[in-house]
Amino acid sequence: MQLTDNEWEFIGPYLPIGEYGPYPERLRQQFEGVIWRFKTGGQWREMPQEFGAWSTVSNRFRQWRDAGVFEALLEGVIAEAAQRGEVDLSLASIDSTTARAHHDAAGMHLSEDVLTALEKAAAEEEKARSKGAAPKNKTGREPETIPGRKNDDASDVDGNSG
């Protein structure tokens, strides 16, 4: 097994038990299956049978994820460490996929003229979008309308629909 009895005593109360399952005696086994999956990087289908059916463990993981179990568990671990005076700031992390960086941070170098032109174009685009401006085609121009004719993207070469 991967968890000590003391670790399980701490983790167990964070795992919800529904009216029709899971069976409490299998929770530890399933939780250890989730640990195995992320510790090894293996696929769910490769999970050893000692953790139960891979599909059950995978479903249980998704239920726990959606119920916020892992966030609550992390907060509980941090609170327990704080009570002991053992808070470790290495537990804090920033997900780089949600932190916006300046274009220079990615190694992109632009002259001031190009940068100013790009920022101006972006500002104008945003201003037009917020005012509900007419949609533009792929070239950035507004579609031309011919008086007396229906402007349709499905028109053939002669401008006739159909």
C-alpha atoms as a PDB file:
ATOM      1  CA  MET A   1       0.000   0.000   0.000  1.00  0.00           C
ATOM      2  CA  GLN A   2       1.098   3.546  -0.615  1.00  0.00           C
ATOM      3  CA  LEU A   3      -0.425   5.347   2.371  1.00  0.00           C
ATOM      4  CA  THR A   4       0.471   4.871   6.009  1.00  0.00           C
ATOM      5  CA  ASP A   5      -2.354   4.415   8.493  1.00  0.00           C
ATOM      6  CA  ASN A   6      -1.716   7.925   9.882  1.00  0.00           C
ATOM      7  CA  GLU A   7      -1.924   9.435   6.403  1.00  0.00           C
ATOM      8  CA  TRP A   8      -5.154   7.584   5.710  1.00  0.00           C
ATOM      9  CA  GLU A   9      -6.656   8.774   9.019  1.00  0.00           C
ATOM     10  CA  PHE A  10      -6.084  12.332   7.834  1.00  0.00           C
ATOM     11  CA  ILE A  11      -7.279  11.824   4.220  1.00  0.00           C
ATOM     12  CA  GLY A  12     -10.278   9.546   4.788  1.00  0.00           C
ATOM     13  CA  PRO A  13     -12.669  12.177   6.217  1.00  0.00           C
ATOM     14  CA  TYR A  14     -12.235  14.343   3.089  1.00  0.00           C
ATOM     15  CA  LEU A  15     -13.631  11.640   0.800  1.00  0.00           C
ATOM     16  CA  PRO A  16     -17.426  11.788   0.465  1.00  0.00           C
ATOM     17  CA  ILE A  17     -19.516   8.662   0.824  1.00  0.00           C
ATOM     18  CA  GLY A  18     -22.825   8.709  -1.020  1.00  0.00           C
ATOM     19  CA  GLU A  19     -26.030   6.911  -0.132  1.00  0.00           C
ATOM     20  CA  TYR A  20     -25.284   4.103  -2.617  1.00  0.00           C
ATOM     21  CA  GLY A  21     -21.495   3.978  -2.498  1.00  0.00           C
ATOM     22  CA  PRO A  22     -18.625   3.851  -2.620  1.00  0.00           C
ATOM     23  CA  TYR A  23     -18.140   1.182  -0.041  1.00  0.00           C
ATOM     24  CA  PRO A  24     -16.055   2.718   2.756  1.00  0.00           C
ATOM     25  CA  GLU A  25     -13.651  -0.254   2.850  1.00  0.00           C
ATOM     26  CA  ARG A  26     -12.737   0.372  -0.810  1.00  0.00           C
ATOM     27  CA  LEU A  27     -12.122   4.125  -0.544  1.00  0.00           C
ATOM     28  CA  ARG A  28      -8.507   3.743   0.520  1.00  0.00           C
ATOM     29  CA  GLN A  29      -7.849   1.267  -2.267  1.00  0.00           C
ATOM     30  CA  GLN A  30      -9.391   3.630  -4.843  1.00  0.00           C
ATOM     31  CA  PHE A  31      -7.577   6.691  -3.491  1.00  0.00           C
ATOM     32  CA  GLU A  32      -4.292   4.788  -3.680  1.00  0.00           C
ATOM     33  CA  GLY A  33      -5.189   3.905  -7.278  1.00  0.00           C
ATOM     34  CA  VAL A  34      -5.474   7.616  -8.050  1.00  0.00           C
ATOM     35  CA  ILE A  35      -2.087   8.168  -6.392  1.00  0.00           C
ATOM     36  CA  TRP A  36      -0.620   5.344  -8.486  1.00  0.00           C
ATOM     37  CA  ARG A  37      -1.978   6.867 -11.694  1.00  0.00           C
ATOM     38  CA  PHE A  38      -0.430  10.281 -11.113  1.00  0.00           C
ATOM     39  CA  LYS A  39       2.746   9.017  -9.474  1.00  0.00           C
ATOM     40  CA  THR A  40       3.609   6.719 -12.384  1.00  0.00           C
ATOM     41  CA  GLY A  41       2.073   8.732 -15.219  1.00  0.00           C
ATOM     42  CA  GLY A  42       0.512   5.507 -16.490  1.00  0.00           C
ATOM     43  CA  GLN A  43      -2.833   5.299 -18.184  1.00  0.00           C
ATOM     44  CA  TRP A  44      -5.937   4.379 -16.251  1.00  0.00           C
ATOM     45  CA  ARG A  45      -6.210   1.100 -18.169  1.00  0.00           C
ATOM     46  CA  GLU A  46      -2.697   0.109 -17.043  1.00  0.00           C
ATOM     47  CA  MET A  47      -3.610   0.331 -13.353  1.00  0.00           C
ATOM     48  CA  PRO A  48      -2.840  -2.844 -11.370  1.00  0.00           C
ATOM     49  CA  GLN A  49      -5.895  -4.802 -10.211  1.00  0.00           C
ATOM     50  CA  GLU A  50      -4.901  -4.321  -6.553  1.00  0.00           C
ATOM     51  CA  PHE A  51      -6.558  -0.878  -6.725  1.00  0.00           C
ATOM     52  CA  GLY A  52      -9.819  -2.198  -8.145  1.00  0.00           C
ATOM     53  CA  ALA A  53     -11.287  -1.826 -11.617  1.00  0.00           C
ATOM     54  CA  TRP A  54      -9.544   0.972 -13.485  1.00  0.00           C
ATOM     55  CA  SER A  55     -12.853   2.391 -14.717  1.00  0.00           C
ATOM     56  CA  THR A  56     -14.215   2.599 -11.172  1.00  0.00           C
ATOM     57  CA  VAL A  57     -11.078   4.359  -9.902  1.00  0.00           C
ATOM     58  CA  SER A  58     -11.129   6.738 -12.867  1.00  0.00           C
ATOM     59  CA  ASN A  59     -14.794   7.577 -12.273  1.00  0.00           C
ATOM     60  CA  ARG A  60     -14.180   8.036  -8.562  1.00  0.00           C
ATOM     61  CA  PHE A  61     -11.298  10.426  -9.357  1.00  0.00           C
ATOM     62  CA  ARG A  62     -13.573  12.523 -11.591  1.00  0.00           C
ATOM     63  CA  GLN A  63     -16.278  12.604  -8.911  1.00  0.00           C
ATOM     64  CA  TRP A  64     -13.768  13.707  -6.294  1.00  0.00           C
ATOM     65  CA  ARG A  65     -12.302  16.295  -8.658  1.00  0.00           C
ATOM     66  CA  ASP A  66     -15.721  17.739  -9.483  1.00  0.00           C
ATOM     67  CA  ALA A  67     -16.726  17.779  -5.805  1.00  0.00           C
ATOM     68  CA  GLY A  68     -13.617  19.789  -4.870  1.00  0.00           C
ATOM     69  CA  VAL A  69     -12.152  17.033  -2.693  1.00  0.00           C
ATOM     70  CA  PHE A  70      -8.551  17.668  -3.730  1.00  0.00           C
ATOM     71  CA  GLU A  71      -8.775  21.408  -3.066  1.00  0.00           C
ATOM     72  CA  ALA A  72     -10.305  20.742   0.360  1.00  0.00           C
ATOM     73  CA  LEU A  73      -7.611  18.164   1.090  1.00  0.00           C
ATOM     74  CA  LEU A  74      -4.841  20.603   0.164  1.00  0.00           C
ATOM     75  CA  GLU A  75      -6.386  23.293   2.361  1.00  0.00           C
ATOM     76  CA  GLY A  76      -6.642  20.752   5.190  1.00  0.00           C
ATOM     77  CA  VAL A  77      -2.974  19.797   4.835  1.00  0.00           C
ATOM     78  CA  ILE A  78      -1.955  23.455   4.893  1.00  0.00           C
ATOM     79  CA  ALA A  79      -4.154  24.134   7.952  1.00  0.00           C
ATOM     80  CA  GLU A  80      -2.688  21.108   9.755  1.00  0.00           C
ATOM     81  CA  ALA A  81       0.844  22.267   8.956  1.00  0.00           C
ATOM     82  CA  ALA A  82      -0.021  25.783  10.157  1.00  0.00           C
ATOM     83  CA  GLN A  83      -1.256  24.386  13.482  1.00  0.00           C
ATOM     84  CA  ARG A  84       2.072  22.619  13.906  1.00  0.00           C
ATOM     85  CA  GLY A  85       4.012  25.723  12.829  1.00  0.00           C
ATOM     86  CA  GLU A  86       5.328  23.867   9.798  1.00  0.00           C
ATOM     87  CA  VAL A  87       3.838  25.861   6.920  1.00  0.00           C
ATOM     88  CA  ASP A  88       5.964  25.393   3.839  1.00  0.00           C
ATOM     89  CA  LEU A  89       5.532  28.057   1.165  1.00  0.00           C
ATOM     90  CA  SER A  90       6.721  25.595  -1.485  1.00  0.00           C
ATOM     91  CA  LEU A  91       3.097  24.342  -1.470  1.00  0.00           C
ATOM     92  CA  ALA A  92       2.083  27.573  -3.208  1.00  0.00           C
ATOM     93  CA  SER A  93       2.343  27.534  -6.989  1.00  0.00           C
ATOM     94  CA  ILE A  94       1.272  29.539 -10.002  1.00  0.00           C
ATOM     95  CA  ASP A  95      -0.104  27.833 -13.067  1.00  0.00           C
ATOM     96  CA  SER A  96       1.671  29.501 -15.978  1.00  0.00           C
ATOM     97  CA  THR A  97      -1.210  28.772 -18.329  1.00  0.00           C
ATOM     98  CA  THR A  98      -3.306  31.385 -16.536  1.00  0.00           C
ATOM     99  CA  ALA A  99      -0.653  34.025 -15.886  1.00  0.00           C
ATOM    100  CA  ARG A 100      -0.315  36.496 -18.720  1.00  0.00           C
ATOM    101  CA  ALA A 101       3.200  37.600 -19.534  1.00  0.00           C
ATOM    102  CA  HIS A 102       4.445  40.566 -21.521  1.00  0.00           C
ATOM    103  CA  HIS A 103       5.488  39.647 -25.059  1.00  0.00           C
ATOM    104  CA  ASP A 104       9.131  40.345 -24.168  1.00  0.00           C
ATOM    105  CA  ALA A 105       8.947  37.538 -21.594  1.00  0.00           C
ATOM    106  CA  ALA A 106       8.577  35.040 -24.427  1.00  0.00           C
ATOM    107  CA  GLY A 107      11.632  36.377 -26.246  1.00  0.00           C
ATOM    108  CA  MET A 108       9.658  38.357 -28.827  1.00  0.00           C
ATOM    109  CA  HIS A 109      11.460  41.558 -29.765  1.00  0.00           C
ATOM    110  CA  LEU A 110       9.687  44.249 -31.769  1.00  0.00           C
ATOM    111  CA  SER A 111      10.723  47.721 -32.750  1.00  0.00           C
ATOM    112  CA  GLU A 112       8.839  50.533 -31.020  1.00  0.00           C
ATOM    113  CA  ASP A 113       7.098  51.470 -34.302  1.00  0.00           C
ATOM    114  CA  VAL A 114       5.783  47.954 -34.887  1.00  0.00           C
ATOM    115  CA  LEU A 115       4.759  47.580 -31.242  1.00  0.00           C
ATOM    116  CA  THR A 116       2.926  50.911 -31.272  1.00  0.00           C
ATOM    117  CA  ALA A 117       1.120  50.000 -34.515  1.00  0.00           C
ATOM    118  CA  LEU A 118       0.066  46.607 -33.114  1.00  0.00           C
ATOM    119  CA  GLU A 119      -1.188  48.116 -29.865  1.00  0.00           C
ATOM    120  CA  LYS A 120      -3.112  50.788 -31.784  1.00  0.00           C
ATOM    121  CA  ALA A 121      -4.690  48.187 -34.077  1.00  0.00           C
ATOM    122  CA  ALA A 122      -5.673  46.038 -31.076  1.00  0.00           C
ATOM    123  CA  ALA A 123      -7.212  49.040 -29.333  1.00  0.00           C
ATOM    124  CA  GLU A 124      -9.184  49.998 -32.461  1.00  0.00           C
ATOM    125  CA  GLU A 125     -10.380  46.409 -32.887  1.00  0.00           C
ATOM    126  CA  GLU A 126     -11.540  46.281 -29.276  1.00  0.00           C
ATOM    127  CA  LYS A 127     -13.271  49.657 -29.610  1.00  0.00           C
ATOM    128  CA  ALA A 128     -15.061  48.537 -32.769  1.00  0.00           C
ATOM    129  CA  ARG A 129     -16.055  45.231 -31.175  1.00  0.00           C
ATOM    130  CA  SER A 130     -17.486  46.959 -28.114  1.00  0.00           C
ATOM    131  CA  LYS A 131     -19.555  49.295 -30.313  1.00  0.00           C
ATOM    132  CA  GLY A 132     -20.962  46.377 -32.306  1.00  0.00           C
ATOM    133  CA  ALA A 133     -19.261  47.326 -35.555  1.00  0.00           C
ATOM    134  CA  ALA A 134     -20.052  45.497 -38.783  1.00  0.00           C
ATOM    135  CA  PRO A 135     -18.252  42.155 -39.129  1.00  0.00           C
ATOM    136  CA  LYS A 136     -15.118  42.142 -41.231  1.00  0.00           C
ATOM    137  CA  ASN A 137     -13.929  39.513 -43.664  1.00  0.00           C
ATOM    138  CA  LYS A 138     -10.562  37.726 -43.474  1.00  0.00           C
ATOM    139  CA  THR A 139      -8.725  40.673 -45.049  1.00  0.00           C
ATOM    140  CA  GLY A 140      -9.924  42.992 -42.279  1.00  0.00           C
ATOM    141  CA  ARG A 141     -12.266  44.923 -44.554  1.00  0.00           C
ATOM    142  CA  GLU A 142     -15.994  45.283 -44.188  1.00  0.00           C
ATOM    143  CA  PRO A 143     -17.916  43.237 -46.774  1.00  0.00           C
ATOM    144  CA  GLU A 144     -18.905  45.242 -49.808  1.00  0.00           C
ATOM    145  CA  THR A 145     -22.595  45.549 -50.520  1.00  0.00           C
ATOM    146  CA  ILE A 146     -23.981  46.055 -53.999  1.00  0.00           C
ATOM    147  CA  PRO A 147     -27.146  48.194 -54.105  1.00  0.00           C
ATOM    148  CA  GLY A 148     -30.207  46.168 -55.055  1.00  0.00           C
ATOM    149  CA  ARG A 149     -28.480  42.833 -54.435  1.00  0.00           C
ATOM    150  CA  LYS A 150     -28.440  40.558 -51.453  1.00  0.00           C
ATOM    151  CA  ASN A 151     -24.891  40.246 -50.083  1.00  0.00           C
ATOM    152  CA  ASP A 152     -24.481  36.508 -49.407  1.00  0.00           C
ATOM    153  CA  ASP A 153     -21.338  34.542 -48.656  1.00  0.00           C
ATOM    154  CA  ALA A 154     -22.829  31.607 -50.611  1.00  0.00           C
ATOM    155  CA  SER A 155     -22.913  33.576 -53.882  1.00  0.00           C
ATOM    156  CA  ASP A 156     -21.297  32.105 -56.964  1.00  0.00           C
ATOM    157  CA  VAL A 157     -18.796  33.925 -59.181  1.00  0.00           C
ATOM    158  CA  ASP A 158     -21.518  35.987 -60.905  1.00  0.00           C
ATOM    159  CA  GLY A 159     -22.918  37.095 -57.523  1.00  0.00           C
ATOM    160  CA  ASN A 160     -25.978  34.837 -57.849  1.00  0.00           C
ATOM    161  CA  SER A 161     -27.004  32.608 -55.003  1.00  0.00           C
ATOM    162  CA  GLY A 162     -27.508  28.935 -55.345  1.00  0.00           C
END
